[in-house]
Amino acid sequence: MVNKPVLESAAGELARAMASPPFLYELGPEGANAATAAMQQAITSLRSALHTD
């Protein structure tokens, strides 16, 4: 029996989103940089929304 990894919900969503094309290596340098920047911005926005003091 193989154990499936258990991820936090946000990590699981990211893994599912990254599991289907287009993959970063298919986008070329500019496209991959833009996709990575957009993902980092989304993560930053989510963190800001979750950390309401």
Protein backbone atom coordinates (compact mmCIF):
# COMPACT_ATOMS: atom_id res chain seq x y z
CA MET A 1 0.00 0.00 0.00
CA VAL A 2 1.37 3.40 -1.00
CA ASN A 3 0.74 6.36 1.28
CA LYS A 4 -0.59 9.47 -0.44
CA PRO A 5 0.96 12.74 0.70
CA VAL A 6 -1.33 14.96 2.74
CA LEU A 7 -1.09 18.67 1.90
CA GLU A 8 -2.66 21.73 3.44
CA SER A 9 -5.60 22.90 1.34
CA ALA A 10 -3.71 25.83 -0.24
CA ALA A 11 -0.74 23.62 -1.09
CA GLY A 12 -3.08 21.03 -2.58
CA GLU A 13 -4.78 23.67 -4.73
CA LEU A 14 -1.39 24.90 -5.96
CA ALA A 15 -0.27 21.35 -6.76
CA ARG A 16 -3.48 20.68 -8.72
CA ALA A 17 -3.16 23.97 -10.60
CA MET A 18 0.45 23.24 -11.54
CA ALA A 19 -0.29 19.63 -12.59
CA SER A 20 -1.81 20.50 -15.95
CA PRO A 21 -0.42 22.32 -18.99
CA PRO A 22 0.93 24.77 -19.76
CA PHE A 23 3.95 23.94 -17.66
CA LEU A 24 6.50 26.64 -16.80
CA TYR A 25 9.13 25.14 -19.10
CA GLU A 26 6.64 25.37 -21.99
CA LEU A 27 6.09 29.10 -21.51
CA GLY A 28 9.60 30.27 -22.29
CA PRO A 29 11.59 32.61 -20.04
CA GLU A 30 9.29 35.64 -20.28
CA GLY A 31 6.08 33.64 -19.89
CA ALA A 32 7.45 31.62 -16.98
CA ASN A 33 8.64 34.79 -15.25
CA ALA A 34 5.21 36.39 -15.70
CA ALA A 35 3.42 33.27 -14.41
CA THR A 36 5.73 33.04 -11.39
CA ALA A 37 5.27 36.74 -10.60
CA ALA A 38 1.48 36.37 -10.82
CA MET A 39 1.57 33.36 -8.49
CA GLN A 40 3.77 35.20 -5.98
CA GLN A 41 1.42 38.20 -6.08
CA ALA A 42 -1.57 35.94 -5.41
CA ILE A 43 0.23 34.36 -2.45
CA THR A 44 1.15 37.78 -1.06
CA SER A 45 -2.43 38.99 -1.41
CA LEU A 46 -3.76 35.89 0.32
CA ARG A 47 -1.31 36.28 3.19
CA SER A 48 -2.32 39.92 3.59
CA ALA A 49 -6.00 38.96 3.68
CA LEU A 50 -5.40 36.26 6.27
CA HIS A 51 -3.28 38.41 8.59
CA THR A 52 -5.78 41.02 9.66
CA ASP A 53 -4.54 42.43 12.95
